[in-house]
Amino acid sequence: MAGSSDWTNAAIQRAISTTAENFGLNMGKLAQPLRVAITGGTVSPSIDDTVRLLGREKTLTRLDRAVEFIKQRLDTDGPVT
């Protein structure tokens, strides 16, 4: 998503679907962690609406923060078994 200037629902949906497919995940397995990363909760409007309404800059910033949080936890606690 970071490489796209098209921030429409269709483009966001395509990016999420492509990412899920590339990792062999169904949409729910990617959308729910994405939702938590950008909203802090498990309930929101559709993920493409949520991402679009939040905006490109805020969405990408929150995703970067989520990745850093996970990395720090892995460094501190080790992988979940």
PDB file of N, CA and C in Angstrom:
ATOM      1  N   MET A   1       0.813  -1.182   0.000  1.00  0.00           N
ATOM      2  CA  MET A   1       0.000   0.000   0.000  1.00  0.00           C
ATOM      3  C   MET A   1       0.862   1.255   0.000  1.00  0.00           C
ATOM      4  N   ALA A   2       2.022   1.158   0.581  1.00  0.00           N
ATOM      5  CA  ALA A   2       2.884   2.334   0.668  1.00  0.00           C
ATOM      6  C   ALA A   2       3.305   2.832  -0.704  1.00  0.00           C
ATOM      7  N   GLY A   3       3.411   1.934  -1.668  1.00  0.00           N
ATOM      8  CA  GLY A   3       3.861   2.323  -2.994  1.00  0.00           C
ATOM      9  C   GLY A   3       2.769   2.840  -3.898  1.00  0.00           C
ATOM     10  N   SER A   4       1.543   2.870  -3.431  1.00  0.00           N
ATOM     11  CA  SER A   4       0.417   3.265  -4.270  1.00  0.00           C
ATOM     12  C   SER A   4      -0.019   4.688  -3.974  1.00  0.00           C
ATOM     13  N   SER A   5      -0.281   5.437  -5.032  1.00  0.00           N
ATOM     14  CA  SER A   5      -0.852   6.774  -4.860  1.00  0.00           C
ATOM     15  C   SER A   5      -2.372   6.722  -4.988  1.00  0.00           C
ATOM     16  N   ASP A   6      -2.901   5.586  -5.444  1.00  0.00           N
ATOM     17  CA  ASP A   6      -4.343   5.389  -5.586  1.00  0.00           C
ATOM     18  C   ASP A   6      -4.899   4.932  -4.243  1.00  0.00           C
ATOM     19  N   TRP A   7      -5.643   5.796  -3.571  1.00  0.00           N
ATOM     20  CA  TRP A   7      -6.156   5.502  -2.239  1.00  0.00           C
ATOM     21  C   TRP A   7      -7.677   5.379  -2.273  1.00  0.00           C
ATOM     22  N   THR A   8      -8.173   4.688  -3.288  1.00  0.00           N
ATOM     23  CA  THR A   8      -9.606   4.428  -3.403  1.00  0.00           C
ATOM     24  C   THR A   8      -9.916   3.086  -2.755  1.00  0.00           C
ATOM     25  N   ASN A   9     -11.192   2.861  -2.463  1.00  0.00           N
ATOM     26  CA  ASN A   9     -11.582   1.579  -1.871  1.00  0.00           C
ATOM     27  C   ASN A   9     -11.143   0.414  -2.747  1.00  0.00           C
ATOM     28  N   ALA A  10     -11.332   0.544  -4.059  1.00  0.00           N
ATOM     29  CA  ALA A  10     -10.972  -0.551  -4.967  1.00  0.00           C
ATOM     30  C   ALA A  10      -9.478  -0.846  -4.915  1.00  0.00           C
ATOM     31  N   ALA A  11      -8.657   0.193  -4.910  1.00  0.00           N
ATOM     32  CA  ALA A  11      -7.203   0.000  -4.870  1.00  0.00           C
ATOM     33  C   ALA A  11      -6.760  -0.590  -3.532  1.00  0.00           C
ATOM     34  N   ILE A  12      -7.366  -0.122  -2.461  1.00  0.00           N
ATOM     35  CA  ILE A  12      -7.035  -0.643  -1.132  1.00  0.00           C
ATOM     36  C   ILE A  12      -7.423  -2.113  -1.043  1.00  0.00           C
ATOM     37  N   GLN A  13      -8.622  -2.426  -1.517  1.00  0.00           N
ATOM     38  CA  GLN A  13      -9.099  -3.812  -1.509  1.00  0.00           C
ATOM     39  C   GLN A  13      -8.170  -4.711  -2.323  1.00  0.00           C
ATOM     40  N   ARG A  14      -7.737  -4.227  -3.487  1.00  0.00           N
ATOM     41  CA  ARG A  14      -6.801  -4.991  -4.334  1.00  0.00           C
ATOM     42  C   ARG A  14      -5.493  -5.240  -3.604  1.00  0.00           C
ATOM     43  N   ALA A  15      -4.964  -4.210  -2.961  1.00  0.00           N
ATOM     44  CA  ALA A  15      -3.685  -4.343  -2.253  1.00  0.00           C
ATOM     45  C   ALA A  15      -3.791  -5.355  -1.115  1.00  0.00           C
ATOM     46  N   ILE A  16      -4.874  -5.299  -0.372  1.00  0.00           N
ATOM     47  CA  ILE A  16      -5.058  -6.234   0.738  1.00  0.00           C
ATOM     48  C   ILE A  16      -5.244  -7.653   0.214  1.00  0.00           C
ATOM     49  N   SER A  17      -6.064  -7.804  -0.813  1.00  0.00           N
ATOM     50  CA  SER A  17      -6.308  -9.135  -1.399  1.00  0.00           C
ATOM     51  C   SER A  17      -5.035  -9.734  -1.974  1.00  0.00           C
ATOM     52  N   THR A  18      -4.260  -8.918  -2.674  1.00  0.00           N
ATOM     53  CA  THR A  18      -3.005  -9.392  -3.260  1.00  0.00           C
ATOM     54  C   THR A  18      -2.027  -9.816  -2.171  1.00  0.00           C
ATOM     55  N   THR A  19      -1.933  -9.025  -1.116  1.00  0.00           N
ATOM     56  CA  THR A  19      -1.042  -9.363  -0.008  1.00  0.00           C
ATOM     57  C   THR A  19      -1.472 -10.663   0.655  1.00  0.00           C
ATOM     58  N   ALA A  20      -2.767 -10.799   0.900  1.00  0.00           N
ATOM     59  CA  ALA A  20      -3.276 -12.036   1.505  1.00  0.00           C
ATOM     60  C   ALA A  20      -2.943 -13.229   0.622  1.00  0.00           C
ATOM     61  N   GLU A  21      -3.181 -13.092  -0.668  1.00  0.00           N
ATOM     62  CA  GLU A  21      -2.895 -14.181  -1.612  1.00  0.00           C
ATOM     63  C   GLU A  21      -1.410 -14.527  -1.625  1.00  0.00           C
ATOM     64  N   ASN A  22      -0.557 -13.505  -1.621  1.00  0.00           N
ATOM     65  CA  ASN A  22       0.892 -13.732  -1.644  1.00  0.00           C
ATOM     66  C   ASN A  22       1.384 -14.504  -0.424  1.00  0.00           C
ATOM     67  N   PHE A  23       0.692 -14.348   0.696  1.00  0.00           N
ATOM     68  CA  PHE A  23       1.069 -15.053   1.921  1.00  0.00           C
ATOM     69  C   PHE A  23       0.231 -16.297   2.172  1.00  0.00           C
ATOM     70  N   GLY A  24      -0.634 -16.627   1.231  1.00  0.00           N
ATOM     71  CA  GLY A  24      -1.466 -17.816   1.369  1.00  0.00           C
ATOM     72  C   GLY A  24      -2.513 -17.693   2.467  1.00  0.00           C
ATOM     73  N   LEU A  25      -3.000 -16.484   2.685  1.00  0.00           N
ATOM     74  CA  LEU A  25      -3.990 -16.226   3.730  1.00  0.00           C
ATOM     75  C   LEU A  25      -5.342 -15.906   3.115  1.00  0.00           C
ATOM     76  N   ASN A  26      -6.412 -16.176   3.866  1.00  0.00           N
ATOM     77  CA  ASN A  26      -7.699 -15.670   3.416  1.00  0.00           C
ATOM     78  C   ASN A  26      -7.829 -14.233   3.915  1.00  0.00           C
ATOM     79  N   MET A  27      -8.817 -13.537   3.411  1.00  0.00           N
ATOM     80  CA  MET A  27      -8.973 -12.117   3.713  1.00  0.00           C
ATOM     81  C   MET A  27      -9.085 -11.857   5.221  1.00  0.00           C
ATOM     82  N   GLY A  28      -9.831 -12.666   5.939  1.00  0.00           N
ATOM     83  CA  GLY A  28     -10.011 -12.460   7.374  1.00  0.00           C
ATOM     84  C   GLY A  28      -8.727 -12.581   8.167  1.00  0.00           C
ATOM     85  N   LYS A  29      -7.853 -13.477   7.741  1.00  0.00           N
ATOM     86  CA  LYS A  29      -6.588 -13.686   8.457  1.00  0.00           C
ATOM     87  C   LYS A  29      -5.662 -12.480   8.322  1.00  0.00           C
ATOM     88  N   LEU A  30      -5.868 -11.671   7.292  1.00  0.00           N
ATOM     89  CA  LEU A  30      -5.066 -10.465   7.125  1.00  0.00           C
ATOM     90  C   LEU A  30      -5.824  -9.224   7.586  1.00  0.00           C
ATOM     91  N   ALA A  31      -7.114  -9.168   7.285  1.00  0.00           N
ATOM     92  CA  ALA A  31      -7.892  -7.968   7.587  1.00  0.00           C
ATOM     93  C   ALA A  31      -8.005  -7.706   9.087  1.00  0.00           C
ATOM     94  N   GLN A  32      -8.181  -8.743   9.875  1.00  0.00           N
ATOM     95  CA  GLN A  32      -8.361  -8.524  11.316  1.00  0.00           C
ATOM     96  C   GLN A  32      -7.094  -7.972  11.980  1.00  0.00           C
ATOM     97  N   PRO A  33      -5.914  -8.553  11.751  1.00  0.00           N
ATOM     98  CA  PRO A  33      -4.704  -7.941  12.324  1.00  0.00           C
ATOM     99  C   PRO A  33      -4.458  -6.531  11.777  1.00  0.00           C
ATOM    100  N   LEU A  34      -4.779  -6.323  10.505  1.00  0.00           N
ATOM    101  CA  LEU A  34      -4.645  -4.989   9.915  1.00  0.00           C
ATOM    102  C   LEU A  34      -5.563  -4.009  10.639  1.00  0.00           C
ATOM    103  N   ARG A  35      -6.786  -4.423  10.883  1.00  0.00           N
ATOM    104  CA  ARG A  35      -7.764  -3.588  11.601  1.00  0.00           C
ATOM    105  C   ARG A  35      -7.240  -3.230  13.001  1.00  0.00           C
ATOM    106  N   VAL A  36      -6.731  -4.206  13.719  1.00  0.00           N
ATOM    107  CA  VAL A  36      -6.202  -3.948  15.065  1.00  0.00           C
ATOM    108  C   VAL A  36      -5.010  -2.997  14.990  1.00  0.00           C
ATOM    109  N   ALA A  37      -4.154  -3.192  14.011  1.00  0.00           N
ATOM    110  CA  ALA A  37      -2.966  -2.344  13.876  1.00  0.00           C
ATOM    111  C   ALA A  37      -3.327  -0.891  13.603  1.00  0.00           C
ATOM    112  N   ILE A  38      -4.370  -0.658  12.823  1.00  0.00           N
ATOM    113  CA  ILE A  38      -4.666   0.735  12.466  1.00  0.00           C
ATOM    114  C   ILE A  38      -5.724   1.396  13.335  1.00  0.00           C
ATOM    115  N   THR A  39      -6.560   0.593  14.025  1.00  0.00           N
ATOM    116  CA  THR A  39      -7.602   1.206  14.857  1.00  0.00           C
ATOM    117  C   THR A  39      -7.408   0.939  16.339  1.00  0.00           C
ATOM    118  N   GLY A  40      -6.655  -0.100  16.673  1.00  0.00           N
ATOM    119  CA  GLY A  40      -6.492  -0.471  18.066  1.00  0.00           C
ATOM    120  C   GLY A  40      -7.623  -1.331  18.591  1.00  0.00           C
ATOM    121  N   GLY A  41      -8.552  -1.687  17.716  1.00  0.00           N
ATOM    122  CA  GLY A  41      -9.689  -2.499  18.137  1.00  0.00           C
ATOM    123  C   GLY A  41     -10.033  -3.552  17.103  1.00  0.00           C
ATOM    124  N   THR A  42     -10.999  -4.384  17.443  1.00  0.00           N
ATOM    125  CA  THR A  42     -11.370  -5.487  16.552  1.00  0.00           C
ATOM    126  C   THR A  42     -12.635  -5.216  15.758  1.00  0.00           C
ATOM    127  N   VAL A  43     -13.272  -4.076  15.993  1.00  0.00           N
ATOM    128  CA  VAL A  43     -14.508  -3.750  15.289  1.00  0.00           C
ATOM    129  C   VAL A  43     -14.341  -2.409  14.590  1.00  0.00           C
ATOM    130  N   SER A  44     -14.677  -2.374  13.313  1.00  0.00           N
ATOM    131  CA  SER A  44     -14.639  -1.141  12.534  1.00  0.00           C
ATOM    132  C   SER A  44     -15.497  -1.359  11.298  1.00  0.00           C
ATOM    133  N   PRO A  45     -15.735  -0.292  10.548  1.00  0.00           N
ATOM    134  CA  PRO A  45     -16.362  -0.501   9.240  1.00  0.00           C
ATOM    135  C   PRO A  45     -15.472  -1.412   8.392  1.00  0.00           C
ATOM    136  N   SER A  46     -15.876  -1.700   7.183  1.00  0.00           N
ATOM    137  CA  SER A  46     -15.066  -2.566   6.315  1.00  0.00           C
ATOM    138  C   SER A  46     -13.629  -2.059   6.293  1.00  0.00           C
ATOM    139  N   ILE A  47     -12.695  -2.975   6.117  1.00  0.00           N
ATOM    140  CA  ILE A  47     -11.285  -2.602   6.217  1.00  0.00           C
ATOM    141  C   ILE A  47     -10.891  -1.589   5.144  1.00  0.00           C
ATOM    142  N   ASP A  48     -11.442  -1.716   3.928  1.00  0.00           N
ATOM    143  CA  ASP A  48     -11.100  -0.740   2.895  1.00  0.00           C
ATOM    144  C   ASP A  48     -11.665   0.639   3.235  1.00  0.00           C
ATOM    145  N   ASP A  49     -12.892   0.703   3.786  1.00  0.00           N
ATOM    146  CA  ASP A  49     -13.441   1.992   4.225  1.00  0.00           C
ATOM    147  C   ASP A  49     -12.607   2.577   5.357  1.00  0.00           C
ATOM    148  N   THR A  50     -12.237   1.749   6.306  1.00  0.00           N
ATOM    149  CA  THR A  50     -11.457   2.210   7.453  1.00  0.00           C
ATOM    150  C   THR A  50     -10.123   2.795   7.002  1.00  0.00           C
ATOM    151  N   VAL A  51      -9.427   2.082   6.133  1.00  0.00           N
ATOM    152  CA  VAL A  51      -8.128   2.543   5.635  1.00  0.00           C
ATOM    153  C   VAL A  51      -8.289   3.844   4.855  1.00  0.00           C
ATOM    154  N   ARG A  52      -9.282   3.898   3.976  1.00  0.00           N
ATOM    155  CA  ARG A  52      -9.493   5.099   3.156  1.00  0.00           C
ATOM    156  C   ARG A  52      -9.842   6.298   4.030  1.00  0.00           C
ATOM    157  N   LEU A  53     -10.755   6.103   4.985  1.00  0.00           N
ATOM    158  CA  LEU A  53     -11.176   7.215   5.838  1.00  0.00           C
ATOM    159  C   LEU A  53     -10.065   7.697   6.763  1.00  0.00           C
ATOM    160  N   LEU A  54      -9.252   6.790   7.239  1.00  0.00           N
ATOM    161  CA  LEU A  54      -8.135   7.171   8.098  1.00  0.00           C
ATOM    162  C   LEU A  54      -7.100   7.972   7.313  1.00  0.00           C
ATOM    163  N   GLY A  55      -6.947   7.640   6.050  1.00  0.00           N
ATOM    164  CA  GLY A  55      -6.003   8.359   5.198  1.00  0.00           C
ATOM    165  C   GLY A  55      -4.681   7.630   5.070  1.00  0.00           C
ATOM    166  N   ARG A  56      -4.007   7.922   3.987  1.00  0.00           N
ATOM    167  CA  ARG A  56      -2.757   7.233   3.651  1.00  0.00           C
ATOM    168  C   ARG A  56      -1.690   7.428   4.721  1.00  0.00           C
ATOM    169  N   GLU A  57      -1.435   8.677   5.077  1.00  0.00           N
ATOM    170  CA  GLU A  57      -0.346   8.976   6.009  1.00  0.00           C
ATOM    171  C   GLU A  57      -0.578   8.332   7.378  1.00  0.00           C
ATOM    172  N   LYS A  58      -1.771   8.497   7.934  1.00  0.00           N
ATOM    173  CA  LYS A  58      -2.057   7.922   9.253  1.00  0.00           C
ATOM    174  C   LYS A  58      -2.036   6.401   9.209  1.00  0.00           C
ATOM    175  N   THR A  59      -2.599   5.827   8.147  1.00  0.00           N
ATOM    176  CA  THR A  59      -2.612   4.365   8.033  1.00  0.00           C
ATOM    177  C   THR A  59      -1.198   3.817   8.000  1.00  0.00           C
ATOM    178  N   LEU A  60      -0.358   4.381   7.141  1.00  0.00           N
ATOM    179  CA  LEU A  60       1.009   3.874   7.011  1.00  0.00           C
ATOM    180  C   LEU A  60       1.814   4.101   8.292  1.00  0.00           C
ATOM    181  N   THR A  61       1.601   5.225   8.956  1.00  0.00           N
ATOM    182  CA  THR A  61       2.284   5.489  10.225  1.00  0.00           C
ATOM    183  C   THR A  61       1.887   4.461  11.272  1.00  0.00           C
ATOM    184  N   ARG A  62       0.592   4.169  11.358  1.00  0.00           N
ATOM    185  CA  ARG A  62       0.121   3.195  12.345  1.00  0.00           C
ATOM    186  C   ARG A  62       0.611   1.786  12.024  1.00  0.00           C
ATOM    187  N   LEU A  63       0.685   1.451  10.746  1.00  0.00           N
ATOM    188  CA  LEU A  63       1.221   0.134  10.369  1.00  0.00           C
ATOM    189  C   LEU A  63       2.695   0.031  10.736  1.00  0.00           C
ATOM    190  N   ASP A  64       3.451   1.090  10.480  1.00  0.00           N
ATOM    191  CA  ASP A  64       4.872   1.099  10.859  1.00  0.00           C
ATOM    192  C   ASP A  64       5.036   0.930  12.369  1.00  0.00           C
ATOM    193  N   ARG A  65       4.201   1.610  13.137  1.00  0.00           N
ATOM    194  CA  ARG A  65       4.266   1.495  14.602  1.00  0.00           C
ATOM    195  C   ARG A  65       3.933   0.078  15.059  1.00  0.00           C
ATOM    196  N   ALA A  66       2.946  -0.525  14.421  1.00  0.00           N
ATOM    197  CA  ALA A  66       2.565  -1.899  14.786  1.00  0.00           C
ATOM    198  C   ALA A  66       3.707  -2.865  14.505  1.00  0.00           C
ATOM    199  N   VAL A  67       4.362  -2.695  13.369  1.00  0.00           N
ATOM    200  CA  VAL A  67       5.493  -3.562  13.025  1.00  0.00           C
ATOM    201  C   VAL A  67       6.611  -3.384  14.047  1.00  0.00           C
ATOM    202  N   GLU A  68       6.911  -2.153  14.410  1.00  0.00           N
ATOM    203  CA  GLU A  68       7.959  -1.899  15.404  1.00  0.00           C
ATOM    204  C   GLU A  68       7.596  -2.500  16.759  1.00  0.00           C
ATOM    205  N   PHE A  69       6.334  -2.388  17.150  1.00  0.00           N
ATOM    206  CA  PHE A  69       5.877  -2.966  18.409  1.00  0.00           C
ATOM    207  C   PHE A  69       6.089  -4.476  18.406  1.00  0.00           C
ATOM    208  N   ILE A  70       5.716  -5.119  17.321  1.00  0.00           N
ATOM    209  CA  ILE A  70       5.877  -6.576  17.216  1.00  0.00           C
ATOM    210  C   ILE A  70       7.350  -6.958  17.267  1.00  0.00           C
ATOM    211  N   LYS A  71       8.189  -6.222  16.545  1.00  0.00           N
ATOM    212  CA  LYS A  71       9.628  -6.502  16.561  1.00  0.00           C
ATOM    213  C   LYS A  71      10.195  -6.380  17.976  1.00  0.00           C
ATOM    214  N   GLN A  72       9.804  -5.331  18.686  1.00  0.00           N
ATOM    215  CA  GLN A  72      10.294  -5.138  20.053  1.00  0.00           C
ATOM    216  C   GLN A  72       9.847  -6.274  20.965  1.00  0.00           C
ATOM    217  N   ARG A  73       8.603  -6.697  20.820  1.00  0.00           N
ATOM    218  CA  ARG A  73       8.095  -7.802  21.642  1.00  0.00           C
ATOM    219  C   ARG A  73       8.845  -9.087  21.337  1.00  0.00           C
ATOM    220  N   LEU A  74       9.121  -9.341  20.064  1.00  0.00           N
ATOM    221  CA  LEU A  74       9.864 -10.547  19.697  1.00  0.00           C
ATOM    222  C   LEU A  74      11.279 -10.503  20.249  1.00  0.00           C
ATOM    223  N   ASP A  75      11.902  -9.322  20.215  1.00  0.00           N
ATOM    224  CA  ASP A  75      13.255  -9.179  20.760  1.00  0.00           C
ATOM    225  C   ASP A  75      13.263  -9.399  22.267  1.00  0.00           C
ATOM    226  N   THR A  76      12.221  -8.954  22.947  1.00  0.00           N
ATOM    227  CA  THR A  76      12.133  -9.051  24.400  1.00  0.00           C
ATOM    228  C   THR A  76      11.652 -10.416  24.862  1.00  0.00           C
ATOM    229  N   ASP A  77      10.567 -10.880  24.272  1.00  0.00           N
ATOM    230  CA  ASP A  77       9.897 -12.095  24.745  1.00  0.00           C
ATOM    231  C   ASP A  77      10.221 -13.339  23.931  1.00  0.00           C
ATOM    232  N   GLY A  78      10.788 -13.169  22.771  1.00  0.00           N
ATOM    233  CA  GLY A  78      11.012 -14.303  21.883  1.00  0.00           C
ATOM    234  C   GLY A  78       9.734 -14.671  21.152  1.00  0.00           C
ATOM    235  N   PRO A  79       9.835 -15.578  20.209  1.00  0.00           N
ATOM    236  CA  PRO A  79       8.656 -15.963  19.431  1.00  0.00           C
ATOM    237  C   PRO A  79       7.611 -16.666  20.291  1.00  0.00           C
ATOM    238  N   VAL A  80       6.367 -16.511  19.892  1.00  0.00           N
ATOM    239  CA  VAL A  80       5.261 -17.186  20.569  1.00  0.00           C
ATOM    240  C   VAL A  80       5.276 -18.646  20.168  1.00  0.00           C
ATOM    241  N   THR A  81       5.167 -19.532  21.157  1.00  0.00           N
ATOM    242  CA  THR A  81       5.171 -20.967  20.844  1.00  0.00           C
ATOM    243  C   THR A  81       3.837 -21.593  21.132  1.00  0.00           C
TER     244      THR A  81
END
